[in-house]
Amino acid sequence: LNAVDLPKIRTPYLTPRGQVIGLVWDNIPLTVLILLAGLGSVANQSVEAARDVGANALQVFWHIILPRISNSILVALSFSVLGIFSSFTLPYLLGPASPEMLGPFMQRTLREVQDPIGAMTQ
């Protein structure tokens, strides 16, 4: 947007907010898949029974749904944390060369070396 002089919106790139947005965006598909699988273990009859005795939506969630999907939440949280740690530690564990991830390497090839064909090939 800034390149075409549209509203000057500050980018969250290289800010803590931007890192959180990127990590959440990256982890949404797997987390949703795991949580939906966990929601399959919640019986409709237990939710309906709680509503019949006068429980509101928050009480149904807190007392019926949340205890039944707690294992799925733990698995999703574990996968997210392990993914975050592996993305930071993997280049250092692979050796003293500290390999660079492919996306930044392609951008650097395009910008610094001025080799668009090489960047597309990478």
PDB file of N, CA and C in Angstrom:
ATOM      1  N   LEU A   1       0.816  -1.199   0.000  1.00  0.00           N
ATOM      2  CA  LEU A   1       0.000   0.000   0.000  1.00  0.00           C
ATOM      3  C   LEU A   1       0.859   1.263   0.000  1.00  0.00           C
ATOM      4  N   ASN A   2       1.951   1.229   0.736  1.00  0.00           N
ATOM      5  CA  ASN A   2       2.821   2.402   0.786  1.00  0.00           C
ATOM      6  C   ASN A   2       3.486   2.671  -0.563  1.00  0.00           C
ATOM      7  N   ALA A   3       3.732   1.628  -1.336  1.00  0.00           N
ATOM      8  CA  ALA A   3       4.410   1.807  -2.618  1.00  0.00           C
ATOM      9  C   ALA A   3       3.540   2.553  -3.622  1.00  0.00           C
ATOM     10  N   VAL A   4       2.233   2.472  -3.494  1.00  0.00           N
ATOM     11  CA  VAL A   4       1.335   3.154  -4.430  1.00  0.00           C
ATOM     12  C   VAL A   4       0.657   4.344  -3.765  1.00  0.00           C
ATOM     13  N   ASP A   5       1.240   4.853  -2.698  1.00  0.00           N
ATOM     14  CA  ASP A   5       0.777   6.040  -1.978  1.00  0.00           C
ATOM     15  C   ASP A   5      -0.662   5.940  -1.480  1.00  0.00           C
ATOM     16  N   LEU A   6      -1.045   4.773  -1.062  1.00  0.00           N
ATOM     17  CA  LEU A   6      -2.331   4.610  -0.388  1.00  0.00           C
ATOM     18  C   LEU A   6      -2.121   4.895   1.098  1.00  0.00           C
ATOM     19  N   PRO A   7      -3.128   4.749   1.925  1.00  0.00           N
ATOM     20  CA  PRO A   7      -2.974   5.146   3.332  1.00  0.00           C
ATOM     21  C   PRO A   7      -1.698   4.597   3.962  1.00  0.00           C
ATOM     22  N   LYS A   8      -1.037   5.445   4.695  1.00  0.00           N
ATOM     23  CA  LYS A   8       0.241   5.090   5.315  1.00  0.00           C
ATOM     24  C   LYS A   8      -0.010   4.232   6.551  1.00  0.00           C
ATOM     25  N   ILE A   9      -0.059   2.935   6.333  1.00  0.00           N
ATOM     26  CA  ILE A   9      -0.260   1.979   7.414  1.00  0.00           C
ATOM     27  C   ILE A   9       1.102   1.425   7.791  1.00  0.00           C
ATOM     28  N   ARG A  10       1.434   1.524   9.065  1.00  0.00           N
ATOM     29  CA  ARG A  10       2.720   0.990   9.503  1.00  0.00           C
ATOM     30  C   ARG A  10       2.681  -0.525   9.487  1.00  0.00           C
ATOM     31  N   THR A  11       3.694  -1.111   8.919  1.00  0.00           N
ATOM     32  CA  THR A  11       3.761  -2.559   8.850  1.00  0.00           C
ATOM     33  C   THR A  11       4.214  -3.142  10.188  1.00  0.00           C
ATOM     34  N   PRO A  12       3.673  -4.291  10.572  1.00  0.00           N
ATOM     35  CA  PRO A  12       4.121  -4.919  11.816  1.00  0.00           C
ATOM     36  C   PRO A  12       5.412  -5.718  11.646  1.00  0.00           C
ATOM     37  N   TYR A  13       6.005  -5.652  10.454  1.00  0.00           N
ATOM     38  CA  TYR A  13       7.228  -6.401  10.177  1.00  0.00           C
ATOM     39  C   TYR A  13       8.340  -5.967  11.134  1.00  0.00           C
ATOM     40  N   LEU A  14       9.050  -6.918  11.682  1.00  0.00           N
ATOM     41  CA  LEU A  14      10.155  -6.716  12.621  1.00  0.00           C
ATOM     42  C   LEU A  14       9.718  -6.059  13.930  1.00  0.00           C
ATOM     43  N   THR A  15       8.490  -6.275  14.325  1.00  0.00           N
ATOM     44  CA  THR A  15       8.018  -5.838  15.633  1.00  0.00           C
ATOM     45  C   THR A  15       7.510  -7.074  16.370  1.00  0.00           C
ATOM     46  N   PRO A  16       7.426  -7.011  17.689  1.00  0.00           N
ATOM     47  CA  PRO A  16       6.876  -8.170  18.419  1.00  0.00           C
ATOM     48  C   PRO A  16       5.456  -8.517  17.976  1.00  0.00           C
ATOM     49  N   ARG A  17       4.660  -7.511  17.663  1.00  0.00           N
ATOM     50  CA  ARG A  17       3.296  -7.754  17.202  1.00  0.00           C
ATOM     51  C   ARG A  17       3.316  -8.529  15.878  1.00  0.00           C
ATOM     52  N   GLY A  18       4.224  -8.194  14.997  1.00  0.00           N
ATOM     53  CA  GLY A  18       4.327  -8.889  13.721  1.00  0.00           C
ATOM     54  C   GLY A  18       4.729 -10.344  13.888  1.00  0.00           C
ATOM     55  N   GLN A  19       5.618 -10.612  14.821  1.00  0.00           N
ATOM     56  CA  GLN A  19       6.026 -11.991  15.070  1.00  0.00           C
ATOM     57  C   GLN A  19       4.866 -12.818  15.611  1.00  0.00           C
ATOM     58  N   VAL A  20       4.081 -12.230  16.497  1.00  0.00           N
ATOM     59  CA  VAL A  20       2.922 -12.944  17.031  1.00  0.00           C
ATOM     60  C   VAL A  20       1.901 -13.202  15.926  1.00  0.00           C
ATOM     61  N   ILE A  21       1.655 -12.205  15.081  1.00  0.00           N
ATOM     62  CA  ILE A  21       0.716 -12.387  13.970  1.00  0.00           C
ATOM     63  C   ILE A  21       1.202 -13.508  13.051  1.00  0.00           C
ATOM     64  N   GLY A  22       2.487 -13.531  12.737  1.00  0.00           N
ATOM     65  CA  GLY A  22       3.026 -14.572  11.868  1.00  0.00           C
ATOM     66  C   GLY A  22       2.927 -15.958  12.475  1.00  0.00           C
ATOM     67  N   LEU A  23       3.232 -16.078  13.759  1.00  0.00           N
ATOM     68  CA  LEU A  23       3.164 -17.386  14.406  1.00  0.00           C
ATOM     69  C   LEU A  23       1.728 -17.879  14.515  1.00  0.00           C
ATOM     70  N   VAL A  24       0.804 -16.991  14.819  1.00  0.00           N
ATOM     71  CA  VAL A  24      -0.604 -17.386  14.897  1.00  0.00           C
ATOM     72  C   VAL A  24      -1.094 -17.816  13.517  1.00  0.00           C
ATOM     73  N   TRP A  25      -0.768 -17.036  12.494  1.00  0.00           N
ATOM     74  CA  TRP A  25      -1.189 -17.364  11.131  1.00  0.00           C
ATOM     75  C   TRP A  25      -0.607 -18.698  10.683  1.00  0.00           C
ATOM     76  N   ASP A  26       0.615 -18.982  11.070  1.00  0.00           N
ATOM     77  CA  ASP A  26       1.270 -20.224  10.674  1.00  0.00           C
ATOM     78  C   ASP A  26       0.668 -21.424  11.389  1.00  0.00           C
ATOM     79  N   ASN A  27       0.224 -21.255  12.626  1.00  0.00           N
ATOM     80  CA  ASN A  27      -0.249 -22.383  13.425  1.00  0.00           C
ATOM     81  C   ASN A  27      -1.759 -22.588  13.387  1.00  0.00           C
ATOM     82  N   ILE A  28      -2.507 -21.725  12.715  1.00  0.00           N
ATOM     83  CA  ILE A  28      -3.964 -21.845  12.715  1.00  0.00           C
ATOM     84  C   ILE A  28      -4.456 -23.171  12.113  1.00  0.00           C
ATOM     85  N   PRO A  29      -3.999 -23.618  10.944  1.00  0.00           N
ATOM     86  CA  PRO A  29      -4.601 -24.823  10.356  1.00  0.00           C
ATOM     87  C   PRO A  29      -4.468 -26.074  11.216  1.00  0.00           C
ATOM     88  N   LEU A  30      -3.277 -26.357  11.703  1.00  0.00           N
ATOM     89  CA  LEU A  30      -3.083 -27.563  12.511  1.00  0.00           C
ATOM     90  C   LEU A  30      -3.836 -27.462  13.833  1.00  0.00           C
ATOM     91  N   THR A  31      -3.833 -26.285  14.450  1.00  0.00           N
ATOM     92  CA  THR A  31      -4.530 -26.110  15.720  1.00  0.00           C
ATOM     93  C   THR A  31      -6.031 -26.305  15.549  1.00  0.00           C
ATOM     94  N   VAL A  32      -6.603 -25.737  14.501  1.00  0.00           N
ATOM     95  CA  VAL A  32      -8.042 -25.901  14.254  1.00  0.00           C
ATOM     96  C   VAL A  32      -8.368 -27.361  13.987  1.00  0.00           C
ATOM     97  N   LEU A  33      -7.535 -28.047  13.242  1.00  0.00           N
ATOM     98  CA  LEU A  33      -7.770 -29.457  12.954  1.00  0.00           C
ATOM     99  C   LEU A  33      -7.774 -30.288  14.234  1.00  0.00           C
ATOM    100  N   ILE A  34      -6.814 -30.048  15.111  1.00  0.00           N
ATOM    101  CA  ILE A  34      -6.725 -30.800  16.365  1.00  0.00           C
ATOM    102  C   ILE A  34      -7.905 -30.476  17.275  1.00  0.00           C
ATOM    103  N   LEU A  35      -8.265 -29.210  17.382  1.00  0.00           N
ATOM    104  CA  LEU A  35      -9.378 -28.828  18.255  1.00  0.00           C
ATOM    105  C   LEU A  35     -10.717 -29.340  17.723  1.00  0.00           C
ATOM    106  N   LEU A  36     -10.896 -29.347  16.405  1.00  0.00           N
ATOM    107  CA  LEU A  36     -12.127 -29.905  15.852  1.00  0.00           C
ATOM    108  C   LEU A  36     -12.226 -31.403  16.104  1.00  0.00           C
ATOM    109  N   ALA A  37     -11.099 -32.092  16.051  1.00  0.00           N
ATOM    110  CA  ALA A  37     -11.107 -33.517  16.382  1.00  0.00           C
ATOM    111  C   ALA A  37     -11.472 -33.713  17.852  1.00  0.00           C
ATOM    112  N   GLY A  38     -10.977 -32.836  18.722  1.00  0.00           N
ATOM    113  CA  GLY A  38     -11.334 -32.921  20.133  1.00  0.00           C
ATOM    114  C   GLY A  38     -12.793 -32.607  20.382  1.00  0.00           C
ATOM    115  N   LEU A  39     -13.356 -31.674  19.620  1.00  0.00           N
ATOM    116  CA  LEU A  39     -14.771 -31.340  19.784  1.00  0.00           C
ATOM    117  C   LEU A  39     -15.676 -32.493  19.376  1.00  0.00           C
ATOM    118  N   GLY A  40     -15.170 -33.393  18.574  1.00  0.00           N
ATOM    119  CA  GLY A  40     -15.949 -34.569  18.202  1.00  0.00           C
ATOM    120  C   GLY A  40     -16.227 -35.482  19.385  1.00  0.00           C
ATOM    121  N   SER A  41     -15.428 -35.370  20.443  1.00  0.00           N
ATOM    122  CA  SER A  41     -15.634 -36.212  21.627  1.00  0.00           C
ATOM    123  C   SER A  41     -16.667 -35.627  22.593  1.00  0.00           C
ATOM    124  N   VAL A  42     -17.163 -34.439  22.325  1.00  0.00           N
ATOM    125  CA  VAL A  42     -18.176 -33.823  23.174  1.00  0.00           C
ATOM    126  C   VAL A  42     -19.546 -34.278  22.690  1.00  0.00           C
ATOM    127  N   ALA A  43     -20.285 -34.945  23.549  1.00  0.00           N
ATOM    128  CA  ALA A  43     -21.600 -35.454  23.173  1.00  0.00           C
ATOM    129  C   ALA A  43     -22.629 -34.327  23.176  1.00  0.00           C
ATOM    130  N   ASN A  44     -23.464 -34.311  22.164  1.00  0.00           N
ATOM    131  CA  ASN A  44     -24.531 -33.312  22.089  1.00  0.00           C
ATOM    132  C   ASN A  44     -25.494 -33.441  23.258  1.00  0.00           C
ATOM    133  N   GLN A  45     -25.687 -34.662  23.748  1.00  0.00           N
ATOM    134  CA  GLN A  45     -26.617 -34.881  24.849  1.00  0.00           C
ATOM    135  C   GLN A  45     -26.163 -34.173  26.120  1.00  0.00           C
ATOM    136  N   SER A  46     -24.853 -34.143  26.372  1.00  0.00           N
ATOM    137  CA  SER A  46     -24.376 -33.471  27.585  1.00  0.00           C
ATOM    138  C   SER A  46     -24.547 -31.954  27.482  1.00  0.00           C
ATOM    139  N   VAL A  47     -24.356 -31.401  26.300  1.00  0.00           N
ATOM    140  CA  VAL A  47     -24.564 -29.962  26.103  1.00  0.00           C
ATOM    141  C   VAL A  47     -26.052 -29.630  26.244  1.00  0.00           C
ATOM    142  N   GLU A  48     -26.904 -30.458  25.646  1.00  0.00           N
ATOM    143  CA  GLU A  48     -28.336 -30.218  25.757  1.00  0.00           C
ATOM    144  C   GLU A  48     -28.827 -30.372  27.187  1.00  0.00           C
ATOM    145  N   ALA A  49     -28.275 -31.341  27.923  1.00  0.00           N
ATOM    146  CA  ALA A  49     -28.671 -31.525  29.316  1.00  0.00           C
ATOM    147  C   ALA A  49     -28.268 -30.318  30.160  1.00  0.00           C
ATOM    148  N   ALA A  50     -27.097 -29.764  29.896  1.00  0.00           N
ATOM    149  CA  ALA A  50     -26.666 -28.576  30.636  1.00  0.00           C
ATOM    150  C   ALA A  50     -27.555 -27.383  30.317  1.00  0.00           C
ATOM    151  N   ARG A  51     -27.954 -27.250  29.076  1.00  0.00           N
ATOM    152  CA  ARG A  51     -28.848 -26.145  28.708  1.00  0.00           C
ATOM    153  C   ARG A  51     -30.236 -26.331  29.322  1.00  0.00           C
ATOM    154  N   ASP A  52     -30.678 -27.589  29.435  1.00  0.00           N
ATOM    155  CA  ASP A  52     -31.990 -27.856  30.021  1.00  0.00           C
ATOM    156  C   ASP A  52     -32.060 -27.456  31.490  1.00  0.00           C
ATOM    157  N   VAL A  53     -30.939 -27.563  32.201  1.00  0.00           N
ATOM    158  CA  VAL A  53     -30.942 -27.184  33.613  1.00  0.00           C
ATOM    159  C   VAL A  53     -30.608 -25.716  33.810  1.00  0.00           C
ATOM    160  N   GLY A  54     -30.475 -24.949  32.720  1.00  0.00           N
ATOM    161  CA  GLY A  54     -30.335 -23.504  32.824  1.00  0.00           C
ATOM    162  C   GLY A  54     -28.930 -22.959  32.689  1.00  0.00           C
ATOM    163  N   ALA A  55     -28.007 -23.746  32.182  1.00  0.00           N
ATOM    164  CA  ALA A  55     -26.634 -23.257  32.009  1.00  0.00           C
ATOM    165  C   ALA A  55     -26.571 -22.328  30.794  1.00  0.00           C
ATOM    166  N   ASN A  56     -25.850 -21.214  30.944  1.00  0.00           N
ATOM    167  CA  ASN A  56     -25.663 -20.318  29.800  1.00  0.00           C
ATOM    168  C   ASN A  56     -24.484 -20.804  28.958  1.00  0.00           C
ATOM    169  N   ALA A  57     -24.182 -20.093  27.884  1.00  0.00           N
ATOM    170  CA  ALA A  57     -23.145 -20.539  26.949  1.00  0.00           C
ATOM    171  C   ALA A  57     -21.768 -20.632  27.614  1.00  0.00           C
ATOM    172  N   LEU A  58     -21.441 -19.656  28.469  1.00  0.00           N
ATOM    173  CA  LEU A  58     -20.140 -19.689  29.137  1.00  0.00           C
ATOM    174  C   LEU A  58     -20.044 -20.869  30.101  1.00  0.00           C
ATOM    175  N   GLN A  59     -21.101 -21.155  30.823  1.00  0.00           N
ATOM    176  CA  GLN A  59     -21.085 -22.301  31.739  1.00  0.00           C
ATOM    177  C   GLN A  59     -20.991 -23.616  30.987  1.00  0.00           C
ATOM    178  N   VAL A  60     -21.685 -23.720  29.863  1.00  0.00           N
ATOM    179  CA  VAL A  60     -21.589 -24.938  29.050  1.00  0.00           C
ATOM    180  C   VAL A  60     -20.164 -25.114  28.557  1.00  0.00           C
ATOM    181  N   PHE A  61     -19.570 -24.031  28.085  1.00  0.00           N
ATOM    182  CA  PHE A  61     -18.183 -24.128  27.609  1.00  0.00           C
ATOM    183  C   PHE A  61     -17.244 -24.495  28.746  1.00  0.00           C
ATOM    184  N   TRP A  62     -17.349 -23.831  29.887  1.00  0.00           N
ATOM    185  CA  TRP A  62     -16.397 -24.005  30.988  1.00  0.00           C
ATOM    186  C   TRP A  62     -16.521 -25.373  31.659  1.00  0.00           C
ATOM    187  N   HIS A  63     -17.748 -25.849  31.844  1.00  0.00           N
ATOM    188  CA  HIS A  63     -17.957 -27.076  32.619  1.00  0.00           C
ATOM    189  C   HIS A  63     -18.154 -28.329  31.778  1.00  0.00           C
ATOM    190  N   ILE A  64     -18.563 -28.179  30.531  1.00  0.00           N
ATOM    191  CA  ILE A  64     -18.832 -29.360  29.697  1.00  0.00           C
ATOM    192  C   ILE A  64     -17.786 -29.512  28.592  1.00  0.00           C
ATOM    193  N   ILE A  65     -17.607 -28.468  27.784  1.00  0.00           N
ATOM    194  CA  ILE A  65     -16.755 -28.588  26.594  1.00  0.00           C
ATOM    195  C   ILE A  65     -15.273 -28.550  26.943  1.00  0.00           C
ATOM    196  N   LEU A  66     -14.859 -27.574  27.725  1.00  0.00           N
ATOM    197  CA  LEU A  66     -13.429 -27.406  28.023  1.00  0.00           C
ATOM    198  C   LEU A  66     -12.786 -28.632  28.682  1.00  0.00           C
ATOM    199  N   PRO A  67     -13.423 -29.264  29.678  1.00  0.00           N
ATOM    200  CA  PRO A  67     -12.777 -30.467  30.244  1.00  0.00           C
ATOM    201  C   PRO A  67     -12.627 -31.605  29.238  1.00  0.00           C
ATOM    202  N   ARG A  68     -13.550 -31.693  28.289  1.00  0.00           N
ATOM    203  CA  ARG A  68     -13.485 -32.802  27.329  1.00  0.00           C
ATOM    204  C   ARG A  68     -12.467 -32.562  26.215  1.00  0.00           C
ATOM    205  N   ILE A  69     -12.139 -31.303  25.930  1.00  0.00           N
ATOM    206  CA  ILE A  69     -11.153 -31.043  24.878  1.00  0.00           C
ATOM    207  C   ILE A  69      -9.799 -30.622  25.451  1.00  0.00           C
ATOM    208  N   SER A  70      -9.616 -30.792  26.761  1.00  0.00           N
ATOM    209  CA  SER A  70      -8.346 -30.357  27.370  1.00  0.00           C
ATOM    210  C   SER A  70      -7.151 -31.114  26.805  1.00  0.00           C
ATOM    211  N   ASN A  71      -7.311 -32.401  26.502  1.00  0.00           N
ATOM    212  CA  ASN A  71      -6.196 -33.148  25.903  1.00  0.00           C
ATOM    213  C   ASN A  71      -5.859 -32.611  24.515  1.00  0.00           C
ATOM    214  N   SER A  72      -6.877 -32.254  23.739  1.00  0.00           N
ATOM    215  CA  SER A  72      -6.633 -31.692  22.405  1.00  0.00           C
ATOM    216  C   SER A  72      -5.947 -30.338  22.496  1.00  0.00           C
ATOM    217  N   ILE A  73      -6.336 -29.540  23.487  1.00  0.00           N
ATOM    218  CA  ILE A  73      -5.683 -28.243  23.691  1.00  0.00           C
ATOM    219  C   ILE A  73      -4.221 -28.444  24.051  1.00  0.00           C
ATOM    220  N   LEU A  74      -3.931 -29.421  24.895  1.00  0.00           N
ATOM    221  CA  LEU A  74      -2.546 -29.707  25.285  1.00  0.00           C
ATOM    222  C   LEU A  74      -1.716 -30.151  24.082  1.00  0.00           C
ATOM    223  N   VAL A  75      -2.288 -30.993  23.227  1.00  0.00           N
ATOM    224  CA  VAL A  75      -1.565 -31.447  22.032  1.00  0.00           C
ATOM    225  C   VAL A  75      -1.310 -30.283  21.083  1.00  0.00           C
ATOM    226  N   ALA A  76      -2.328 -29.448  20.849  1.00  0.00           N
ATOM    227  CA  ALA A  76      -2.166 -28.302  19.950  1.00  0.00           C
ATOM    228  C   ALA A  76      -1.128 -27.329  20.496  1.00  0.00           C
ATOM    229  N   LEU A  77      -1.162 -27.074  21.797  1.00  0.00           N
ATOM    230  CA  LEU A  77      -0.180 -26.187  22.418  1.00  0.00           C
ATOM    231  C   LEU A  77       1.228 -26.769  22.314  1.00  0.00           C
ATOM    232  N   SER A  78       1.360 -28.071  22.517  1.00  0.00           N
ATOM    233  CA  SER A  78       2.679 -28.713  22.406  1.00  0.00           C
ATOM    234  C   SER A  78       3.238 -28.599  20.995  1.00  0.00           C
ATOM    235  N   PHE A  79       2.388 -28.855  19.983  1.00  0.00           N
ATOM    236  CA  PHE A  79       2.857 -28.734  18.604  1.00  0.00           C
ATOM    237  C   PHE A  79       3.275 -27.304  18.274  1.00  0.00           C
ATOM    238  N   SER A  80       2.535 -26.340  18.777  1.00  0.00           N
ATOM    239  CA  SER A  80       2.876 -24.936  18.506  1.00  0.00           C
ATOM    240  C   SER A  80       4.206 -24.570  19.146  1.00  0.00           C
ATOM    241  N   VAL A  81       4.387 -24.943  20.393  1.00  0.00           N
ATOM    242  CA  VAL A  81       5.634 -24.613  21.101  1.00  0.00           C
ATOM    243  C   VAL A  81       6.816 -25.324  20.452  1.00  0.00           C
ATOM    244  N   LEU A  82       6.643 -26.598  20.112  1.00  0.00           N
ATOM    245  CA  LEU A  82       7.738 -27.327  19.465  1.00  0.00           C
ATOM    246  C   LEU A  82       8.076 -26.728  18.104  1.00  0.00           C
ATOM    247  N   GLY A  83       7.078 -26.290  17.362  1.00  0.00           N
ATOM    248  CA  GLY A  83       7.329 -25.648  16.073  1.00  0.00           C
ATOM    249  C   GLY A  83       8.093 -24.351  16.217  1.00  0.00           C
ATOM    250  N   ILE A  84       7.743 -23.570  17.247  1.00  0.00           N
ATOM    251  CA  ILE A  84       8.446 -22.308  17.488  1.00  0.00           C
ATOM    252  C   ILE A  84       9.895 -22.574  17.852  1.00  0.00           C
ATOM    253  N   PHE A  85      10.130 -23.523  18.757  1.00  0.00           N
ATOM    254  CA  PHE A  85      11.508 -23.821  19.152  1.00  0.00           C
ATOM    255  C   PHE A  85      12.318 -24.380  17.989  1.00  0.00           C
ATOM    256  N   SER A  86      11.704 -25.234  17.167  1.00  0.00           N
ATOM    257  CA  SER A  86      12.478 -25.830  16.079  1.00  0.00           C
ATOM    258  C   SER A  86      12.839 -24.786  15.026  1.00  0.00           C
ATOM    259  N   SER A  87      11.968 -23.796  14.804  1.00  0.00           N
ATOM    260  CA  SER A  87      12.296 -22.795  13.790  1.00  0.00           C
ATOM    261  C   SER A  87      13.457 -21.914  14.242  1.00  0.00           C
ATOM    262  N   PHE A  88      13.627 -21.743  15.541  1.00  0.00           N
ATOM    263  CA  PHE A  88      14.735 -20.931  16.023  1.00  0.00           C
ATOM    264  C   PHE A  88      16.019 -21.742  16.216  1.00  0.00           C
ATOM    265  N   THR A  89      15.893 -23.002  16.605  1.00  0.00           N
ATOM    266  CA  THR A  89      17.089 -23.780  16.923  1.00  0.00           C
ATOM    267  C   THR A  89      17.613 -24.608  15.768  1.00  0.00           C
ATOM    268  N   LEU A  90      16.774 -24.921  14.777  1.00  0.00           N
ATOM    269  CA  LEU A  90      17.212 -25.797  13.690  1.00  0.00           C
ATOM    270  C   LEU A  90      18.441 -25.280  12.950  1.00  0.00           C
ATOM    271  N   PRO A  91      18.500 -24.006  12.555  1.00  0.00           N
ATOM    272  CA  PRO A  91      19.718 -23.566  11.860  1.00  0.00           C
ATOM    273  C   PRO A  91      20.981 -23.702  12.704  1.00  0.00           C
ATOM    274  N   TYR A  92      20.881 -23.555  14.017  1.00  0.00           N
ATOM    275  CA  TYR A  92      22.060 -23.669  14.866  1.00  0.00           C
ATOM    276  C   TYR A  92      22.449 -25.119  15.116  1.00  0.00           C
ATOM    277  N   LEU A  93      21.478 -26.034  15.073  1.00  0.00           N
ATOM    278  CA  LEU A  93      21.781 -27.444  15.288  1.00  0.00           C
ATOM    279  C   LEU A  93      22.366 -28.107  14.051  1.00  0.00           C
ATOM    280  N   LEU A  94      22.160 -27.505  12.881  1.00  0.00           N
ATOM    281  CA  LEU A  94      22.633 -28.120  11.647  1.00  0.00           C
ATOM    282  C   LEU A  94      24.120 -27.923  11.399  1.00  0.00           C
ATOM    283  N   GLY A  95      24.759 -27.089  12.171  1.00  0.00           N
ATOM    284  CA  GLY A  95      26.186 -26.952  11.994  1.00  0.00           C
ATOM    285  C   GLY A  95      26.665 -25.523  12.114  1.00  0.00           C
ATOM    286  N   PRO A  96      27.981 -25.353  12.025  1.00  0.00           N
ATOM    287  CA  PRO A  96      28.564 -24.023  12.216  1.00  0.00           C
ATOM    288  C   PRO A  96      28.269 -23.065  11.063  1.00  0.00           C
ATOM    289  N   ALA A  97      27.751 -23.566   9.960  1.00  0.00           N
ATOM    290  CA  ALA A  97      27.488 -22.682   8.827  1.00  0.00           C
ATOM    291  C   ALA A  97      26.254 -21.814   9.066  1.00  0.00           C
ATOM    292  N   SER A  98      25.416 -22.143  10.054  1.00  0.00           N
ATOM    293  CA  SER A  98      24.170 -21.429  10.338  1.00  0.00           C
ATOM    294  C   SER A  98      23.383 -21.202   9.061  1.00  0.00           C
ATOM    295  N   PRO A  99      22.819 -22.269   8.503  1.00  0.00           N
ATOM    296  CA  PRO A  99      22.138 -22.128   7.214  1.00  0.00           C
ATOM    297  C   PRO A  99      20.972 -21.148   7.286  1.00  0.00           C
ATOM    298  N   GLU A 100      20.717 -20.526   6.151  1.00  0.00           N
ATOM    299  CA  GLU A 100      19.663 -19.522   6.055  1.00  0.00           C
ATOM    300  C   GLU A 100      18.413 -20.173   5.479  1.00  0.00           C
ATOM    301  N   MET A 101      17.248 -19.788   5.964  1.00  0.00           N
ATOM    302  CA  MET A 101      16.006 -20.331   5.443  1.00  0.00           C
ATOM    303  C   MET A 101      15.808 -19.864   3.995  1.00  0.00           C
ATOM    304  N   LEU A 102      15.012 -20.615   3.223  1.00  0.00           N
ATOM    305  CA  LEU A 102      14.924 -20.407   1.789  1.00  0.00           C
ATOM    306  C   LEU A 102      14.293 -19.071   1.403  1.00  0.00           C
ATOM    307  N   GLY A 103      13.227 -18.657   2.076  1.00  0.00           N
ATOM    308  CA  GLY A 103      12.563 -17.403   1.733  1.00  0.00           C
ATOM    309  C   GLY A 103      13.476 -16.195   1.840  1.00  0.00           C
ATOM    310  N   PRO A 104      14.122 -15.974   2.994  1.00  0.00           N
ATOM    311  CA  PRO A 104      15.054 -14.852   3.089  1.00  0.00           C
ATOM    312  C   PRO A 104      16.245 -14.972   2.137  1.00  0.00           C
ATOM    313  N   PHE A 105      16.682 -16.209   1.868  1.00  0.00           N
ATOM    314  CA  PHE A 105      17.799 -16.396   0.945  1.00  0.00           C
ATOM    315  C   PHE A 105      17.418 -15.961  -0.468  1.00  0.00           C
ATOM    316  N   MET A 106      16.185 -16.288  -0.893  1.00  0.00           N
ATOM    317  CA  MET A 106      15.726 -15.884  -2.219  1.00  0.00           C
ATOM    318  C   MET A 106      15.599 -14.368  -2.313  1.00  0.00           C
ATOM    319  N   GLN A 107      15.078 -13.740  -1.265  1.00  0.00           N
ATOM    320  CA  GLN A 107      14.966 -12.274  -1.274  1.00  0.00           C
ATOM    321  C   GLN A 107      16.335 -11.619  -1.329  1.00  0.00           C
ATOM    322  N   ARG A 108      17.280 -12.155  -0.566  1.00  0.00           N
ATOM    323  CA  ARG A 108      18.627 -11.579  -0.567  1.00  0.00           C
ATOM    324  C   ARG A 108      19.286 -11.746  -1.933  1.00  0.00           C
ATOM    325  N   THR A 109      19.058 -12.893  -2.583  1.00  0.00           N
ATOM    326  CA  THR A 109      19.616 -13.105  -3.923  1.00  0.00           C
ATOM    327  C   THR A 109      19.040 -12.100  -4.908  1.00  0.00           C
ATOM    328  N   LEU A 110      17.737 -11.845  -4.802  1.00  0.00           N
ATOM    329  CA  LEU A 110      17.108 -10.912  -5.715  1.00  0.00           C
ATOM    330  C   LEU A 110      17.562  -9.482  -5.445  1.00  0.00           C
ATOM    331  N   ARG A 111      17.633  -9.104  -4.191  1.00  0.00           N
ATOM    332  CA  ARG A 111      17.917  -7.711  -3.835  1.00  0.00           C
ATOM    333  C   ARG A 111      19.401  -7.368  -3.926  1.00  0.00           C
ATOM    334  N   GLU A 112      20.263  -8.203  -3.358  1.00  0.00           N
ATOM    335  CA  GLU A 112      21.684  -7.848  -3.274  1.00  0.00           C
ATOM    336  C   GLU A 112      22.471  -8.262  -4.511  1.00  0.00           C
ATOM    337  N   VAL A 113      22.153  -9.414  -5.070  1.00  0.00           N
ATOM    338  CA  VAL A 113      22.906  -9.915  -6.210  1.00  0.00           C
ATOM    339  C   VAL A 113      22.264  -9.477  -7.528  1.00  0.00           C
ATOM    340  N   GLN A 114      21.006  -9.009  -7.473  1.00  0.00           N
ATOM    341  CA  GLN A 114      20.265  -8.586  -8.661  1.00  0.00           C
ATOM    342  C   GLN A 114      20.169  -9.726  -9.668  1.00  0.00           C
ATOM    343  N   ASP A 115      19.801 -10.939  -9.147  1.00  0.00           N
ATOM    344  CA  ASP A 115      19.686 -12.111 -10.006  1.00  0.00           C
ATOM    345  C   ASP A 115      18.279 -12.683  -9.895  1.00  0.00           C
ATOM    346  N   PRO A 116      17.315 -12.128 -10.659  1.00  0.00           N
ATOM    347  CA  PRO A 116      15.935 -12.617 -10.531  1.00  0.00           C
ATOM    348  C   PRO A 116      15.755 -14.066 -10.988  1.00  0.00           C
ATOM    349  N   ILE A 117      16.492 -14.488 -12.005  1.00  0.00           N
ATOM    350  CA  ILE A 117      16.366 -15.872 -12.477  1.00  0.00           C
ATOM    351  C   ILE A 117      16.905 -16.836 -11.426  1.00  0.00           C
ATOM    352  N   GLY A 118      18.027 -16.475 -10.816  1.00  0.00           N
ATOM    353  CA  GLY A 118      18.575 -17.312  -9.747  1.00  0.00           C
ATOM    354  C   GLY A 118      17.646 -17.380  -8.548  1.00  0.00           C
ATOM    355  N   ALA A 119      16.997 -16.266  -8.220  1.00  0.00           N
ATOM    356  CA  ALA A 119      16.069 -16.259  -7.095  1.00  0.00           C
ATOM    357  C   ALA A 119      14.854 -17.116  -7.396  1.00  0.00           C
ATOM    358  N   MET A 120      14.339 -17.049  -8.617  1.00  0.00           N
ATOM    359  CA  MET A 120      13.189 -17.899  -8.978  1.00  0.00           C
ATOM    360  C   MET A 120      13.587 -19.366  -9.005  1.00  0.00           C
ATOM    361  N   THR A 121      14.810 -19.654  -9.429  1.00  0.00           N
ATOM    362  CA  THR A 121      15.269 -21.037  -9.460  1.00  0.00           C
ATOM    363  C   THR A 121      15.409 -21.607  -8.065  1.00  0.00           C
ATOM    364  N   GLN A 122      15.871 -20.777  -7.150  1.00  0.00           N
ATOM    365  CA  GLN A 122      16.018 -21.247  -5.773  1.00  0.00           C
ATOM    366  C   GLN A 122      14.679 -21.606  -5.202  1.00  0.00           C
TER     367      GLN A 122
END
